[in-house]
Amino acid sequence: MHPRKALRPARPVKPGSLAEKIRADHPVAAAVVSHLFGDWMCVERMEDLARRDFAILADGFVSRGVFAERRRHYDGIVPC
């Protein structure tokens, strides 16, 4: 990772995204969180996954474009 590149102005974080649920005090860490998770929408129902390009349920089930997967079950630690 290149810290100066991470701090470049990025696209805005979408309201309701996973990035809004992750707190990072360091500016580089906050920029990386925004970059990685600013498009990931937190949804509550399986039906909502189909309405978003990038979405995640509270149990960790994700939808990314045409792919849907559960890499592992929610462990109670990783913020989802």
PDB file of N, CA and C in Angstrom:
ATOM      1  N   MET A   1       0.833  -1.173   0.000  1.00  0.00           N
ATOM      2  CA  MET A   1       0.000   0.000   0.000  1.00  0.00           C
ATOM      3  C   MET A   1       0.877   1.236   0.000  1.00  0.00           C
ATOM      4  N   HIS A   2       0.452   2.251  -0.721  1.00  0.00           N
ATOM      5  CA  HIS A   2       1.171   3.509  -0.812  1.00  0.00           C
ATOM      6  C   HIS A   2       0.381   4.562  -0.028  1.00  0.00           C
ATOM      7  N   PRO A   3       0.870   4.981   1.149  1.00  0.00           N
ATOM      8  CA  PRO A   3       0.091   5.883   1.998  1.00  0.00           C
ATOM      9  C   PRO A   3      -0.295   7.201   1.324  1.00  0.00           C
ATOM     10  N   ARG A   4       0.605   7.800   0.544  1.00  0.00           N
ATOM     11  CA  ARG A   4       0.251   9.069  -0.104  1.00  0.00           C
ATOM     12  C   ARG A   4      -0.853   8.876  -1.134  1.00  0.00           C
ATOM     13  N   LYS A   5      -0.812   7.770  -1.846  1.00  0.00           N
ATOM     14  CA  LYS A   5      -1.886   7.497  -2.809  1.00  0.00           C
ATOM     15  C   LYS A   5      -3.209   7.247  -2.088  1.00  0.00           C
ATOM     16  N   ALA A   6      -3.146   6.615  -0.930  1.00  0.00           N
ATOM     17  CA  ALA A   6      -4.367   6.348  -0.165  1.00  0.00           C
ATOM     18  C   ALA A   6      -5.052   7.642   0.261  1.00  0.00           C
ATOM     19  N   LEU A   7      -4.267   8.687   0.488  1.00  0.00           N
ATOM     20  CA  LEU A   7      -4.817   9.951   0.960  1.00  0.00           C
ATOM     21  C   LEU A   7      -5.340  10.851  -0.162  1.00  0.00           C
ATOM     22  N   ARG A   8      -5.171  10.431  -1.406  1.00  0.00           N
ATOM     23  CA  ARG A   8      -5.722  11.215  -2.510  1.00  0.00           C
ATOM     24  C   ARG A   8      -7.231  11.288  -2.376  1.00  0.00           C
ATOM     25  N   PRO A   9      -7.815  12.392  -2.836  1.00  0.00           N
ATOM     26  CA  PRO A   9      -9.287  12.477  -2.746  1.00  0.00           C
ATOM     27  C   PRO A   9      -9.938  11.280  -3.447  1.00  0.00           C
ATOM     28  N   ALA A  10     -10.838  10.666  -2.742  1.00  0.00           N
ATOM     29  CA  ALA A  10     -11.517   9.478  -3.272  1.00  0.00           C
ATOM     30  C   ALA A  10     -12.989   9.797  -3.506  1.00  0.00           C
ATOM     31  N   ARG A  11     -13.665   8.870  -4.161  1.00  0.00           N
ATOM     32  CA  ARG A  11     -15.106   9.055  -4.333  1.00  0.00           C
ATOM     33  C   ARG A  11     -15.758   9.018  -2.948  1.00  0.00           C
ATOM     34  N   PRO A  12     -16.861   9.708  -2.799  1.00  0.00           N
ATOM     35  CA  PRO A  12     -17.499   9.773  -1.480  1.00  0.00           C
ATOM     36  C   PRO A  12     -18.042   8.416  -1.040  1.00  0.00           C
ATOM     37  N   VAL A  13     -18.054   8.236   0.265  1.00  0.00           N
ATOM     38  CA  VAL A  13     -18.627   7.029   0.868  1.00  0.00           C
ATOM     39  C   VAL A  13     -20.145   7.138   0.769  1.00  0.00           C
ATOM     40  N   LYS A  14     -20.782   6.067   0.322  1.00  0.00           N
ATOM     41  CA  LYS A  14     -22.243   6.073   0.187  1.00  0.00           C
ATOM     42  C   LYS A  14     -22.898   5.970   1.566  1.00  0.00           C
ATOM     43  N   PRO A  15     -23.966   6.728   1.785  1.00  0.00           N
ATOM     44  CA  PRO A  15     -24.698   6.622   3.052  1.00  0.00           C
ATOM     45  C   PRO A  15     -25.213   5.198   3.254  1.00  0.00           C
ATOM     46  N   GLY A  16     -25.018   4.663   4.451  1.00  0.00           N
ATOM     47  CA  GLY A  16     -25.454   3.305   4.764  1.00  0.00           C
ATOM     48  C   GLY A  16     -24.440   2.240   4.398  1.00  0.00           C
ATOM     49  N   SER A  17     -23.260   2.648   3.940  1.00  0.00           N
ATOM     50  CA  SER A  17     -22.253   1.673   3.531  1.00  0.00           C
ATOM     51  C   SER A  17     -21.538   1.054   4.733  1.00  0.00           C
ATOM     52  N   LEU A  18     -20.844  -0.019   4.473  1.00  0.00           N
ATOM     53  CA  LEU A  18     -20.052  -0.691   5.499  1.00  0.00           C
ATOM     54  C   LEU A  18     -18.964   0.238   6.032  1.00  0.00           C
ATOM     55  N   ALA A  19     -18.431   1.115   5.196  1.00  0.00           N
ATOM     56  CA  ALA A  19     -17.386   2.054   5.626  1.00  0.00           C
ATOM     57  C   ALA A  19     -17.868   2.951   6.760  1.00  0.00           C
ATOM     58  N   GLU A  20     -19.139   3.271   6.796  1.00  0.00           N
ATOM     59  CA  GLU A  20     -19.676   4.106   7.869  1.00  0.00           C
ATOM     60  C   GLU A  20     -19.690   3.391   9.211  1.00  0.00           C
ATOM     61  N   LYS A  21     -19.589   2.079   9.201  1.00  0.00           N
ATOM     62  CA  LYS A  21     -19.643   1.307  10.439  1.00  0.00           C
ATOM     63  C   LYS A  21     -18.261   0.980  10.994  1.00  0.00           C
ATOM     64  N   ILE A  22     -17.219   1.315  10.242  1.00  0.00           N
ATOM     65  CA  ILE A  22     -15.848   1.010  10.664  1.00  0.00           C
ATOM     66  C   ILE A  22     -15.160   2.319  11.024  1.00  0.00           C
ATOM     67  N   ARG A  23     -14.676   2.402  12.251  1.00  0.00           N
ATOM     68  CA  ARG A  23     -14.006   3.608  12.712  1.00  0.00           C
ATOM     69  C   ARG A  23     -12.500   3.430  12.632  1.00  0.00           C
ATOM     70  N   ALA A  24     -11.835   4.404  12.063  1.00  0.00           N
ATOM     71  CA  ALA A  24     -10.376   4.397  11.982  1.00  0.00           C
ATOM     72  C   ALA A  24      -9.881   5.792  12.330  1.00  0.00           C
ATOM     73  N   ASP A  25      -9.031   5.901  13.332  1.00  0.00           N
ATOM     74  CA  ASP A  25      -8.531   7.203  13.765  1.00  0.00           C
ATOM     75  C   ASP A  25      -7.388   7.713  12.897  1.00  0.00           C
ATOM     76  N   HIS A  26      -6.603   6.806  12.348  1.00  0.00           N
ATOM     77  CA  HIS A  26      -5.471   7.209  11.515  1.00  0.00           C
ATOM     78  C   HIS A  26      -5.985   7.599  10.135  1.00  0.00           C
ATOM     79  N   PRO A  27      -5.537   8.733   9.569  1.00  0.00           N
ATOM     80  CA  PRO A  27      -6.071   9.187   8.277  1.00  0.00           C
ATOM     81  C   PRO A  27      -5.838   8.209   7.126  1.00  0.00           C
ATOM     82  N   VAL A  28      -4.700   7.523   7.110  1.00  0.00           N
ATOM     83  CA  VAL A  28      -4.446   6.556   6.037  1.00  0.00           C
ATOM     84  C   VAL A  28      -5.385   5.365   6.190  1.00  0.00           C
ATOM     85  N   ALA A  29      -5.548   4.891   7.409  1.00  0.00           N
ATOM     86  CA  ALA A  29      -6.462   3.766   7.653  1.00  0.00           C
ATOM     87  C   ALA A  29      -7.892   4.149   7.277  1.00  0.00           C
ATOM     88  N   ALA A  30      -8.307   5.360   7.630  1.00  0.00           N
ATOM     89  CA  ALA A  30      -9.653   5.813   7.290  1.00  0.00           C
ATOM     90  C   ALA A  30      -9.841   5.899   5.774  1.00  0.00           C
ATOM     91  N   ALA A  31      -8.798   6.344   5.068  1.00  0.00           N
ATOM     92  CA  ALA A  31      -8.872   6.421   3.601  1.00  0.00           C
ATOM     93  C   ALA A  31      -8.983   5.036   2.984  1.00  0.00           C
ATOM     94  N   VAL A  32      -8.254   4.069   3.530  1.00  0.00           N
ATOM     95  CA  VAL A  32      -8.310   2.699   3.013  1.00  0.00           C
ATOM     96  C   VAL A  32      -9.694   2.091   3.277  1.00  0.00           C
ATOM     97  N   VAL A  33     -10.238   2.310   4.460  1.00  0.00           N
ATOM     98  CA  VAL A  33     -11.583   1.818   4.779  1.00  0.00           C
ATOM     99  C   VAL A  33     -12.602   2.411   3.808  1.00  0.00           C
ATOM    100  N   SER A  34     -12.500   3.705   3.560  1.00  0.00           N
ATOM    101  CA  SER A  34     -13.420   4.350   2.623  1.00  0.00           C
ATOM    102  C   SER A  34     -13.283   3.771   1.225  1.00  0.00           C
ATOM    103  N   HIS A  35     -12.055   3.540   0.796  1.00  0.00           N
ATOM    104  CA  HIS A  35     -11.796   2.990  -0.536  1.00  0.00           C
ATOM    105  C   HIS A  35     -12.341   1.566  -0.668  1.00  0.00           C
ATOM    106  N   LEU A  36     -12.084   0.741   0.335  1.00  0.00           N
ATOM    107  CA  LEU A  36     -12.474  -0.669   0.252  1.00  0.00           C
ATOM    108  C   LEU A  36     -13.960  -0.900   0.495  1.00  0.00           C
ATOM    109  N   PHE A  37     -14.560  -0.134   1.396  1.00  0.00           N
ATOM    110  CA  PHE A  37     -15.916  -0.434   1.839  1.00  0.00           C
ATOM    111  C   PHE A  37     -16.933   0.674   1.593  1.00  0.00           C
ATOM    112  N   GLY A  38     -16.551   1.735   0.895  1.00  0.00           N
ATOM    113  CA  GLY A  38     -17.453   2.860   0.661  1.00  0.00           C
ATOM    114  C   GLY A  38     -18.619   2.559  -0.259  1.00  0.00           C
ATOM    115  N   ASP A  39     -18.504   1.497  -1.067  1.00  0.00           N
ATOM    116  CA  ASP A  39     -19.599   1.092  -1.969  1.00  0.00           C
ATOM    117  C   ASP A  39     -20.394  -0.091  -1.424  1.00  0.00           C
ATOM    118  N   TRP A  40     -19.885  -0.754  -0.387  1.00  0.00           N
ATOM    119  CA  TRP A  40     -20.548  -1.934   0.169  1.00  0.00           C
ATOM    120  C   TRP A  40     -21.716  -1.486   1.031  1.00  0.00           C
ATOM    121  N   MET A  41     -22.922  -1.803   0.599  1.00  0.00           N
ATOM    122  CA  MET A  41     -24.115  -1.412   1.330  1.00  0.00           C
ATOM    123  C   MET A  41     -24.515  -2.493   2.330  1.00  0.00           C
ATOM    124  N   CYS A  42     -24.808  -2.078   3.537  1.00  0.00           N
ATOM    125  CA  CYS A  42     -25.294  -2.995   4.567  1.00  0.00           C
ATOM    126  C   CYS A  42     -26.800  -3.142   4.381  1.00  0.00           C
ATOM    127  N   VAL A  43     -27.249  -4.365   4.175  1.00  0.00           N
ATOM    128  CA  VAL A  43     -28.674  -4.622   3.969  1.00  0.00           C
ATOM    129  C   VAL A  43     -29.171  -5.600   5.011  1.00  0.00           C
ATOM    130  N   GLU A  44     -30.465  -5.630   5.202  1.00  0.00           N
ATOM    131  CA  GLU A  44     -31.044  -6.465   6.249  1.00  0.00           C
ATOM    132  C   GLU A  44     -31.730  -7.721   5.739  1.00  0.00           C
ATOM    133  N   ARG A  45     -32.124  -7.711   4.456  1.00  0.00           N
ATOM    134  CA  ARG A  45     -32.864  -8.848   3.918  1.00  0.00           C
ATOM    135  C   ARG A  45     -32.185  -9.383   2.671  1.00  0.00           C
ATOM    136  N   MET A  46     -32.343 -10.661   2.437  1.00  0.00           N
ATOM    137  CA  MET A  46     -31.767 -11.313   1.268  1.00  0.00           C
ATOM    138  C   MET A  46     -32.250 -10.651  -0.031  1.00  0.00           C
ATOM    139  N   GLU A  47     -33.502 -10.209  -0.042  1.00  0.00           N
ATOM    140  CA  GLU A  47     -34.055  -9.570  -1.231  1.00  0.00           C
ATOM    141  C   GLU A  47     -33.314  -8.278  -1.582  1.00  0.00           C
ATOM    142  N   ASP A  48     -32.780  -7.611  -0.572  1.00  0.00           N
ATOM    143  CA  ASP A  48     -32.069  -6.353  -0.807  1.00  0.00           C
ATOM    144  C   ASP A  48     -30.726  -6.555  -1.499  1.00  0.00           C
ATOM    145  N   LEU A  49     -30.177  -7.755  -1.410  1.00  0.00           N
ATOM    146  CA  LEU A  49     -28.898  -8.034  -2.076  1.00  0.00           C
ATOM    147  C   LEU A  49     -29.008  -7.830  -3.584  1.00  0.00           C
ATOM    148  N   ALA A  50     -30.136  -8.200  -4.157  1.00  0.00           N
ATOM    149  CA  ALA A  50     -30.327  -8.104  -5.609  1.00  0.00           C
ATOM    150  C   ALA A  50     -30.449  -6.660  -6.082  1.00  0.00           C
ATOM    151  N   ARG A  51     -30.760  -5.760  -5.180  1.00  0.00           N
ATOM    152  CA  ARG A  51     -30.954  -4.356  -5.551  1.00  0.00           C
ATOM    153  C   ARG A  51     -29.662  -3.551  -5.555  1.00  0.00           C
ATOM    154  N   ARG A  52     -28.588  -4.115  -5.083  1.00  0.00           N
ATOM    155  CA  ARG A  52     -27.318  -3.392  -4.946  1.00  0.00           C
ATOM    156  C   ARG A  52     -26.210  -4.104  -5.717  1.00  0.00           C
ATOM    157  N   ASP A  53     -25.245  -3.333  -6.204  1.00  0.00           N
ATOM    158  CA  ASP A  53     -24.088  -3.939  -6.871  1.00  0.00           C
ATOM    159  C   ASP A  53     -23.156  -4.603  -5.860  1.00  0.00           C
ATOM    160  N   PHE A  54     -22.982  -3.956  -4.708  1.00  0.00           N
ATOM    161  CA  PHE A  54     -22.144  -4.483  -3.641  1.00  0.00           C
ATOM    162  C   PHE A  54     -22.951  -4.395  -2.353  1.00  0.00           C
ATOM    163  N   ALA A  55     -23.272  -5.540  -1.757  1.00  0.00           N
ATOM    164  CA  ALA A  55     -24.079  -5.535  -0.540  1.00  0.00           C
ATOM    165  C   ALA A  55     -23.638  -6.650   0.390  1.00  0.00           C
ATOM    166  N   ILE A  56     -23.901  -6.442   1.685  1.00  0.00           N
ATOM    167  CA  ILE A  56     -23.544  -7.434   2.693  1.00  0.00           C
ATOM    168  C   ILE A  56     -24.643  -7.505   3.741  1.00  0.00           C
ATOM    169  N   LEU A  57     -24.976  -8.736   4.136  1.00  0.00           N
ATOM    170  CA  LEU A  57     -25.923  -8.965   5.227  1.00  0.00           C
ATOM    171  C   LEU A  57     -25.150  -9.015   6.540  1.00  0.00           C
ATOM    172  N   ALA A  58     -25.846  -8.903   7.651  1.00  0.00           N
ATOM    173  CA  ALA A  58     -25.209  -8.916   8.972  1.00  0.00           C
ATOM    174  C   ALA A  58     -24.453 -10.209   9.244  1.00  0.00           C
ATOM    175  N   ASP A  59     -24.848 -11.313   8.589  1.00  0.00           N
ATOM    176  CA  ASP A  59     -24.159 -12.585   8.826  1.00  0.00           C
ATOM    177  C   ASP A  59     -22.962 -12.796   7.903  1.00  0.00           C
ATOM    178  N   GLY A  60     -22.641 -11.800   7.074  1.00  0.00           N
ATOM    179  CA  GLY A  60     -21.473 -11.891   6.211  1.00  0.00           C
ATOM    180  C   GLY A  60     -21.744 -12.365   4.797  1.00  0.00           C
ATOM    181  N   PHE A  61     -22.977 -12.680   4.459  1.00  0.00           N
ATOM    182  CA  PHE A  61     -23.312 -13.095   3.096  1.00  0.00           C
ATOM    183  C   PHE A  61     -23.223 -11.870   2.200  1.00  0.00           C
ATOM    184  N   VAL A  62     -22.486 -11.973   1.095  1.00  0.00           N
ATOM    185  CA  VAL A  62     -22.258 -10.811   0.238  1.00  0.00           C
ATOM    186  C   VAL A  62     -22.729 -11.049  -1.188  1.00  0.00           C
ATOM    187  N   SER A  63     -23.017  -9.944  -1.850  1.00  0.00           N
ATOM    188  CA  SER A  63     -23.343  -9.950  -3.264  1.00  0.00           C
ATOM    189  C   SER A  63     -22.446  -8.910  -3.919  1.00  0.00           C
ATOM    190  N   ARG A  64     -21.657  -9.365  -4.906  1.00  0.00           N
ATOM    191  CA  ARG A  64     -20.757  -8.471  -5.643  1.00  0.00           C
ATOM    192  C   ARG A  64     -21.034  -8.680  -7.112  1.00  0.00           C
ATOM    193  N   GLY A  65     -21.773  -7.765  -7.708  1.00  0.00           N
ATOM    194  CA  GLY A  65     -22.128  -7.929  -9.114  1.00  0.00           C
ATOM    195  C   GLY A  65     -22.942  -9.194  -9.312  1.00  0.00           C
ATOM    196  N   VAL A  66     -22.450 -10.103 -10.152  1.00  0.00           N
ATOM    197  CA  VAL A  66     -23.180 -11.342 -10.431  1.00  0.00           C
ATOM    198  C   VAL A  66     -22.842 -12.451  -9.440  1.00  0.00           C
ATOM    199  N   PHE A  67     -21.953 -12.191  -8.502  1.00  0.00           N
ATOM    200  CA  PHE A  67     -21.517 -13.218  -7.558  1.00  0.00           C
ATOM    201  C   PHE A  67     -22.144 -13.005  -6.185  1.00  0.00           C
ATOM    202  N   ALA A  68     -22.514 -14.108  -5.551  1.00  0.00           N
ATOM    203  CA  ALA A  68     -23.012 -14.093  -4.176  1.00  0.00           C
ATOM    204  C   ALA A  68     -22.265 -15.187  -3.431  1.00  0.00           C
ATOM    205  N   GLU A  69     -21.795 -14.867  -2.246  1.00  0.00           N
ATOM    206  CA  GLU A  69     -21.010 -15.855  -1.506  1.00  0.00           C
ATOM    207  C   GLU A  69     -21.021 -15.596  -0.013  1.00  0.00           C
ATOM    208  N   ARG A  70     -20.706 -16.625   0.735  1.00  0.00           N
ATOM    209  CA  ARG A  70     -20.481 -16.522   2.165  1.00  0.00           C
ATOM    210  C   ARG A  70     -19.126 -17.184   2.414  1.00  0.00           C
ATOM    211  N   ARG A  71     -18.124 -16.384   2.597  1.00  0.00           N
ATOM    212  CA  ARG A  71     -16.782 -16.937   2.804  1.00  0.00           C
ATOM    213  C   ARG A  71     -16.662 -17.629   4.136  1.00  0.00           C
ATOM    214  N   ARG A  72     -17.307 -17.073   5.140  1.00  0.00           N
ATOM    215  CA  ARG A  72     -17.345 -17.699   6.460  1.00  0.00           C
ATOM    216  C   ARG A  72     -18.511 -17.090   7.215  1.00  0.00           C
ATOM    217  N   HIS A  73     -18.943 -17.750   8.252  1.00  0.00           N
ATOM    218  CA  HIS A  73     -20.043 -17.224   9.047  1.00  0.00           C
ATOM    219  C   HIS A  73     -19.545 -16.074   9.899  1.00  0.00           C
ATOM    220  N   TYR A  74     -20.434 -15.153  10.187  1.00  0.00           N
ATOM    221  CA  TYR A  74     -20.108 -13.996  11.014  1.00  0.00           C
ATOM    222  C   TYR A  74     -19.596 -14.481  12.367  1.00  0.00           C
ATOM    223  N   ASP A  75     -18.419 -13.964  12.756  1.00  0.00           N
ATOM    224  CA  ASP A  75     -17.782 -14.414  13.988  1.00  0.00           C
ATOM    225  C   ASP A  75     -18.023 -13.503  15.176  1.00  0.00           C
ATOM    226  N   GLY A  76     -18.820 -12.469  14.997  1.00  0.00           N
ATOM    227  CA  GLY A  76     -19.106 -11.558  16.092  1.00  0.00           C
ATOM    228  C   GLY A  76     -18.028 -10.522  16.312  1.00  0.00           C
ATOM    229  N   ILE A  77     -16.964 -10.548  15.512  1.00  0.00           N
ATOM    230  CA  ILE A  77     -15.854  -9.617  15.669  1.00  0.00           C
ATOM    231  C   ILE A  77     -15.779  -8.657  14.495  1.00  0.00           C
ATOM    232  N   VAL A  78     -15.775  -9.180  13.277  1.00  0.00           N
ATOM    233  CA  VAL A  78     -15.659  -8.355  12.077  1.00  0.00           C
ATOM    234  C   VAL A  78     -16.936  -7.540  11.931  1.00  0.00           C
ATOM    235  N   PRO A  79     -16.845  -6.200  11.784  1.00  0.00           N
ATOM    236  CA  PRO A  79     -18.069  -5.401  11.679  1.00  0.00           C
ATOM    237  C   PRO A  79     -18.787  -5.624  10.352  1.00  0.00           C
ATOM    238  N   CYS A  80     -20.030  -6.010  10.427  1.00  0.00           N
ATOM    239  CA  CYS A  80     -20.855  -6.215   9.231  1.00  0.00           C
ATOM    240  C   CYS A  80     -22.174  -5.507   9.420  1.00  0.00           C
TER     241      CYS A  80
END
